[in-house]
Amino acid sequence: MIHQTTSSILMVRPANFGFNPETAANNFYQQKDDRSADELNQLAIGEFDAFVSLLGGKGVEVIVIEDTKEPVKTDAIFPNNWFSTHEDGKVILYPMFSPIRRLERRKDLIESLIAKGFMVNEIIDLTFFEEDNQYLEGTGSLILDRINQLAYACLSERTHEIPLDYFGRILGYETVKFDAVQKIDGKITPIYHTNVMMHLGRHLAVICLDSIPSATERKILQDKLEQGGKKIIPISSHQKFNFAGNMLEVQNVNGQPFTVVSQTALKSLKKGQLQTLEKYTEVISPAIPTIEKLGGGSVRCMMAEIFLPRS
């Protein structure tokens, strides 16, 4: 049986969290901060540890991996961009836009999963696409409907069509590609990651339909989601900028479902939207303002789902 959610989450505790100018070139959610690097890293560690504690307190298995001091990896706290795991034992390694971020890929991290009893049957390395400046940044670029084998992706400088189609062929997924944009300082720009504007759970799809300029693509997307059994919760562009699209549904060891959504995003939700979420799942809401501000990512980016079978 294929599952949409997992009770096992891997998270990377930061050693040098900070502002990455390479990713800021097309991640307009990042903001600089004048405080010292050490102070900002300590704030991020505090937010990270509180987040892990919240998940663990609900019975979600959290595998915490310590980031290494060297080489410096400011975005190591966002592991979902460089690998994904699958129930048939596959691990996919992804091509990434930022050379600094490529340093996050760690063989020992995969080995630590094996040491914890997870089975890795095959590692599929897509990083060769970097040689041609083609990128596909894991479950930042890909929103996976695992049950229906659909991969949703908005095309951008971080999500290219060729590696996306290659992913679809090797995993047997139908790819649903579209353009999604946002206005930054009066200029229309592509949304860099699909998980900024879209979330899929077992029964729900949270999506910023307003960000899709093509009425045809909007209709195709809505039809695919509804055919896949998803109830759509539309969010506004304002809510998207507050990370309301960057959610993740998880479950605990007893199968109880939770939607993880940051305090920033939660405050932006309307009463009806929250009630719909809570109809299907309990909400877990960590406060991660430092991580969101400097990193330009939220809770979903911090959690790498582990779907690998146990040995």
Foldseek 3Di string as FASTA:
>chain_A
DFFPFALEWEFEQADQAFFDVQVVVQLVLADHDPDDRVVLSVLQNVLVVVQVVLSVVQFRHYHYHYDDVPPHQNQLLQPQQAWAAGAVQEIEGWAFQDPSNVVSDDPVVVVVVVVVFFHHPYYHYPNVCVVVQATQGHQQQWAAPRVQQETEGEDASHHDDVVVVVVCVVVVHHYQYAWFWDADPNDIHTNNGLLLAWHDDQAAIEGALVRGPDPVSSVVVVVVCVVSRHDYDHDHPVLSSQSLSNWYWHAHPVRAIEIEDEPSSVVRDDPVSVVVRVVRHHYRYGHRVSCCHRVVHDDNSSIHGYNGDGD
